[in-house]
Amino acid sequence: MPITQVTHINHSAAANGPPVVPEELLAVLAHAEQREAPVYFEANPKLIEQNAAAVQEEVGRGCRGLDAEGRLSQAAQWKAGSNALIAKDRPHAALIGYLVGVWYLRSGEPSFPLCLAYSIAAAREKEAVFSTKTLDEAASSLTGTTSDQAEEELEVVAALRTSLLLNAALAALKLAMWPLARVAATRVLSVDEGNVKALFRLAMAHEGEGDLSAALTALASLLKREPQNADARRLHETLRARIAEDKEKFRNMFSGGGTGDREG
């Protein structure tokens, strides 16, 4: 349904509404991602701001009407739908879905992240794909915990959040969004320092950012826990070889090394 007008609503007094249907929004995002010759949404700035604000309010209004169990259910649905999309090679859409799922698990009544609202608003436009240009701001949606549940319920929430963050890191790696992948993996490790998947994805994010030393550090922690992890050992050896090669090139640069004349 096209959005033509947005009015300011006081969140403290805003009426609750039905939660958005994950399948519907994920389908819109997936459709936008698969369009031929995609063009990032560059409409009138005021229009996109209005549409994004409307999405922000739409999703937030639905969340405010849910109790803890309802929010947990929503997060699980976003995860399941995003898993289906990642399997169909729709990492952009899946990444948005995972981040929305993480947001549902935050405490209190946090505003729906505007960067995610932009992506959804743009995806709804007939002639444009959703924009990922603001997703570097999505790290703020990866923090926070629910605090109004019993201890056993919190364990379920923590497990779901970990799964969502790991999957978000995977999707971000597929899209070469190294900082976002790093933040997601680090968030997992902040509560589970021995998580092997998080350590490996953190290493890959560091490698993508060009920080090979940090990548080796993450892999070393992983291999202490799983010495026979084939993927980690392979990447560890590759990075060590690259570092050794870079050091050799650096030495040659300053020693002459057959690369040109050397001044006395």
Protein backbone atom coordinates (compact mmCIF):
# COMPACT_ATOMS: atom_id res chain seq x y z
CA MET A 1 0.00 0.00 0.00
CA PRO A 2 1.61 3.29 -1.05
CA ILE A 3 2.36 5.81 1.66
CA THR A 4 1.49 9.37 0.73
CA GLN A 5 1.49 11.24 4.01
CA VAL A 6 3.21 11.00 7.36
CA THR A 7 2.20 12.75 10.55
CA HIS A 8 4.14 12.93 13.79
CA ILE A 9 2.92 10.54 16.47
CA ASN A 10 3.93 10.73 20.09
CA HIS A 11 5.32 7.28 20.90
CA SER A 12 4.27 7.43 24.52
CA ALA A 13 0.63 7.91 23.54
CA ALA A 14 0.57 6.11 20.21
CA ALA A 15 -1.98 3.34 19.79
CA ASN A 16 -0.68 -0.16 19.33
CA GLY A 17 -1.38 -1.99 16.12
CA PRO A 18 -0.99 -5.44 14.61
CA PRO A 19 2.61 -6.51 14.04
CA VAL A 20 3.89 -6.44 10.50
CA VAL A 21 3.88 -9.80 8.75
CA PRO A 22 7.50 -10.91 8.24
CA GLU A 23 6.70 -12.94 5.13
CA GLU A 24 5.18 -9.92 3.39
CA LEU A 25 8.06 -7.52 4.03
CA LEU A 26 10.69 -10.17 3.29
CA ALA A 27 8.96 -10.93 0.00
CA VAL A 28 9.09 -7.24 -0.93
CA LEU A 29 12.79 -7.09 -0.06
CA ALA A 30 13.58 -10.28 -1.98
CA HIS A 31 11.67 -9.05 -5.03
CA ALA A 32 13.61 -5.78 -4.98
CA GLU A 33 16.90 -7.64 -4.73
CA GLN A 34 16.25 -9.82 -7.78
CA ARG A 35 15.16 -7.06 -10.17
CA GLU A 36 17.19 -6.80 -13.34
CA ALA A 37 19.44 -3.77 -13.73
CA PRO A 38 18.81 -2.58 -10.17
CA VAL A 39 19.05 1.12 -9.44
CA TYR A 40 19.49 2.33 -5.90
CA PHE A 41 16.59 4.41 -4.76
CA GLU A 42 17.33 8.11 -5.34
CA ALA A 43 13.93 9.75 -5.07
CA ASN A 44 13.12 13.12 -3.62
CA PRO A 45 14.87 13.22 -0.21
CA LYS A 46 11.74 14.44 1.56
CA LEU A 47 9.69 11.63 0.03
CA ILE A 48 12.07 8.87 1.09
CA GLU A 49 12.35 10.39 4.56
CA GLN A 50 8.56 10.44 4.87
CA ASN A 51 8.21 6.87 3.64
CA ALA A 52 10.99 5.64 5.93
CA ALA A 53 9.43 7.44 8.90
CA ALA A 54 6.12 5.78 8.08
CA VAL A 55 7.76 2.35 7.99
CA GLN A 56 9.50 3.12 11.27
CA GLU A 57 6.17 3.95 12.89
CA GLU A 58 4.38 1.01 11.26
CA VAL A 59 6.83 -1.56 12.58
CA GLY A 60 7.20 0.13 15.96
CA ARG A 61 3.43 0.36 16.49
CA GLY A 62 3.10 -3.38 15.87
CA CYS A 63 5.92 -4.19 18.27
CA ARG A 64 4.47 -2.05 21.07
CA GLY A 65 1.39 -4.23 21.11
CA LEU A 66 3.37 -7.41 21.82
CA ASP A 67 4.40 -8.93 25.12
CA ALA A 68 7.78 -10.63 25.57
CA GLU A 69 6.52 -13.93 24.18
CA GLY A 70 5.04 -12.19 21.14
CA ARG A 71 8.30 -10.37 20.41
CA LEU A 72 10.21 -13.61 20.71
CA SER A 73 7.81 -15.21 18.24
CA GLN A 74 8.24 -12.33 15.80
CA ALA A 75 12.03 -12.56 16.00
CA ALA A 76 11.86 -16.29 15.31
CA GLN A 77 9.63 -15.71 12.28
CA TRP A 78 12.02 -13.11 10.86
CA LYS A 79 14.87 -15.55 11.33
CA ALA A 80 13.04 -18.41 9.59
CA GLY A 81 12.05 -16.23 6.66
CA SER A 82 15.57 -14.84 6.32
CA ASN A 83 17.06 -18.34 6.43
CA ALA A 84 14.91 -19.23 3.43
CA LEU A 85 16.16 -16.14 1.59
CA ILE A 86 19.83 -16.76 2.32
CA ALA A 87 19.35 -20.26 0.89
CA LYS A 88 17.97 -18.64 -2.29
CA ASP A 89 20.97 -16.32 -2.56
CA ARG A 90 19.14 -13.22 -1.41
CA PRO A 91 21.68 -11.99 1.17
CA HIS A 92 20.57 -8.33 1.10
CA ALA A 93 17.00 -9.17 1.99
CA ALA A 94 18.10 -11.82 4.50
CA LEU A 95 20.44 -9.38 6.23
CA ILE A 96 17.61 -6.90 6.75
CA GLY A 97 15.46 -9.69 8.15
CA TYR A 98 18.09 -10.85 10.61
CA LEU A 99 18.65 -7.30 11.84
CA VAL A 100 14.91 -6.79 12.30
CA GLY A 101 14.81 -10.03 14.30
CA VAL A 102 17.61 -8.79 16.57
CA TRP A 103 15.74 -5.52 17.08
CA TYR A 104 12.62 -7.36 18.30
CA LEU A 105 14.70 -8.80 21.15
CA ARG A 106 15.78 -5.44 22.53
CA SER A 107 14.49 -4.23 25.88
CA GLY A 108 11.99 -1.44 26.42
CA GLU A 109 10.47 0.28 23.38
CA PRO A 110 13.41 1.15 21.14
CA SER A 111 12.69 3.00 17.91
CA PHE A 112 12.86 0.86 14.81
CA PRO A 113 16.26 1.65 13.21
CA LEU A 114 15.85 4.27 10.52
CA CYS A 115 18.52 2.63 8.37
CA LEU A 116 16.37 -0.51 8.15
CA ALA A 117 13.23 1.54 7.54
CA TYR A 118 14.98 3.21 4.58
CA SER A 119 15.72 -0.17 3.04
CA ILE A 120 12.12 -1.35 3.40
CA ALA A 121 10.67 1.94 2.15
CA ALA A 122 12.88 1.91 -0.93
CA ALA A 123 12.10 -1.74 -1.66
CA ARG A 124 8.41 -0.89 -1.84
CA GLU A 125 9.05 1.47 -4.74
CA LYS A 126 8.13 -0.12 -8.05
CA GLU A 127 11.20 0.94 -10.01
CA ALA A 128 13.94 0.67 -7.42
CA VAL A 129 15.73 -1.81 -5.23
CA PHE A 130 16.15 -1.16 -1.56
CA SER A 131 19.16 0.86 -0.55
CA THR A 132 21.90 -0.59 1.61
CA LYS A 133 23.77 2.70 1.79
CA THR A 134 22.76 3.34 5.39
CA LEU A 135 23.34 -0.17 6.70
CA ASP A 136 26.70 0.83 8.16
CA GLU A 137 24.58 2.53 10.81
CA ALA A 138 22.85 -0.73 11.71
CA ALA A 139 25.32 -1.63 14.45
CA SER A 140 23.19 0.19 17.00
CA SER A 141 20.37 -2.29 16.36
CA LEU A 142 22.62 -5.16 17.45
CA THR A 143 22.77 -4.16 21.11
CA GLY A 144 20.37 -4.45 24.02
CA THR A 145 18.66 -7.27 25.86
CA THR A 146 15.21 -8.07 27.12
CA SER A 147 14.87 -7.74 30.89
CA ASP A 148 11.22 -8.53 31.63
CA GLN A 149 11.42 -12.32 31.47
CA ALA A 150 12.24 -15.22 33.76
CA GLU A 151 15.76 -16.65 33.70
CA GLU A 152 14.83 -19.69 31.60
CA GLU A 153 13.06 -17.44 29.10
CA LEU A 154 16.12 -15.20 28.90
CA GLU A 155 18.18 -18.23 27.91
CA VAL A 156 15.85 -18.81 24.97
CA VAL A 157 16.14 -15.15 23.99
CA ALA A 158 19.94 -15.26 24.24
CA ALA A 159 20.11 -18.35 22.05
CA LEU A 160 17.88 -16.79 19.40
CA ARG A 161 19.83 -13.53 19.46
CA THR A 162 23.10 -15.42 19.01
CA SER A 163 21.68 -17.30 16.04
CA LEU A 164 20.38 -14.09 14.45
CA LEU A 165 23.70 -12.31 14.95
CA LEU A 166 25.70 -15.20 13.52
CA ASN A 167 23.44 -15.30 10.48
CA ALA A 168 23.62 -11.52 10.09
CA ALA A 169 27.41 -11.79 10.14
CA LEU A 170 27.27 -14.48 7.44
CA ALA A 171 24.99 -12.38 5.22
CA ALA A 172 27.19 -9.32 5.72
CA LEU A 173 30.27 -11.33 4.73
CA LYS A 174 28.54 -12.43 1.53
CA LEU A 175 27.95 -8.74 0.76
CA ALA A 176 31.50 -7.67 1.71
CA MET A 177 30.04 -5.51 4.50
CA TRP A 178 33.07 -6.16 6.66
CA PRO A 179 32.41 -3.69 9.52
CA LEU A 180 28.85 -4.92 10.01
CA ALA A 181 30.01 -8.55 9.99
CA ARG A 182 32.70 -7.67 12.53
CA VAL A 183 30.23 -5.95 14.85
CA ALA A 184 27.76 -8.85 14.67
CA ALA A 185 30.43 -11.45 15.41
CA THR A 186 31.93 -9.35 18.21
CA ARG A 187 28.48 -8.98 19.76
CA VAL A 188 28.20 -12.78 19.98
CA LEU A 189 31.68 -13.09 21.45
CA SER A 190 30.89 -10.50 24.12
CA VAL A 191 28.58 -13.06 25.75
CA ASP A 192 30.12 -16.28 24.41
CA GLU A 193 33.85 -15.80 23.96
CA GLY A 194 34.37 -19.34 22.74
CA ASN A 195 31.77 -19.35 19.98
CA VAL A 196 33.60 -21.00 17.09
CA LYS A 197 31.34 -19.67 14.33
CA ALA A 198 31.64 -16.13 15.66
CA LEU A 199 35.44 -16.40 15.85
CA PHE A 200 35.68 -17.66 12.28
CA ARG A 201 33.35 -14.98 10.93
CA LEU A 202 35.22 -12.34 12.91
CA ALA A 203 38.45 -13.53 11.31
CA MET A 204 36.90 -13.29 7.85
CA ALA A 205 35.63 -9.79 8.59
CA HIS A 206 39.08 -8.70 9.75
CA GLU A 207 40.59 -10.23 6.61
CA GLY A 208 38.12 -8.30 4.46
CA GLU A 209 39.09 -5.09 6.23
CA GLY A 210 42.77 -5.84 5.62
CA ASP A 211 43.64 -6.44 9.28
CA LEU A 212 45.40 -9.78 8.88
CA SER A 213 46.97 -9.72 12.34
CA ALA A 214 43.57 -9.36 14.00
CA ALA A 215 42.25 -12.16 11.78
CA LEU A 216 45.09 -14.44 12.91
CA THR A 217 44.35 -13.60 16.55
CA ALA A 218 40.73 -14.66 16.13
CA LEU A 219 41.77 -17.85 14.36
CA ALA A 220 44.29 -18.66 17.08
CA SER A 221 41.51 -18.46 19.67
CA LEU A 222 39.35 -20.71 17.52
CA LEU A 223 42.08 -23.31 16.99
CA LYS A 224 42.74 -23.51 20.74
CA ARG A 225 39.18 -24.78 21.03
CA GLU A 226 39.02 -26.81 17.82
CA PRO A 227 42.57 -27.68 16.71
CA GLN A 228 41.29 -29.85 13.86
CA ASN A 229 38.91 -27.28 12.37
CA ALA A 230 39.84 -27.62 8.69
CA ASP A 231 38.46 -24.27 7.54
CA ALA A 232 40.19 -22.37 10.31
CA ARG A 233 43.52 -24.15 9.75
CA ARG A 234 43.33 -23.47 6.02
CA LEU A 235 42.59 -19.78 6.50
CA HIS A 236 45.26 -19.51 9.21
CA GLU A 237 47.91 -20.92 6.89
CA THR A 238 46.79 -18.69 4.03
CA LEU A 239 46.98 -15.54 6.14
CA ARG A 240 50.38 -16.45 7.59
CA ALA A 241 51.67 -16.94 4.06
CA ARG A 242 50.27 -13.58 2.98
CA ILE A 243 51.85 -11.82 5.94
CA ALA A 244 55.21 -13.45 5.23
CA GLU A 245 54.94 -12.43 1.58
CA ASP A 246 54.10 -8.85 2.53
CA LYS A 247 57.10 -8.72 4.88
CA GLU A 248 59.37 -10.01 2.14
CA LYS A 249 58.10 -7.39 -0.29
CA PHE A 250 58.65 -4.72 2.35
CA ARG A 251 62.25 -5.86 2.92
CA ASN A 252 62.94 -5.90 -0.80
CA MET A 253 61.52 -2.42 -1.16
CA PHE A 254 64.19 -1.00 1.14
CA SER A 255 67.07 -3.29 0.25
CA GLY A 256 66.97 -2.96 -3.52
CA GLY A 257 65.88 -6.54 -3.94
CA GLY A 258 66.30 -6.44 -7.71
CA THR A 259 63.40 -4.04 -8.11
CA GLY A 260 65.42 -1.06 -9.28
CA ASP A 261 68.37 1.18 -8.59
CA ARG A 262 69.28 1.84 -4.98
CA GLU A 263 70.70 5.17 -3.91
CA GLY A 264 73.78 5.14 -1.71
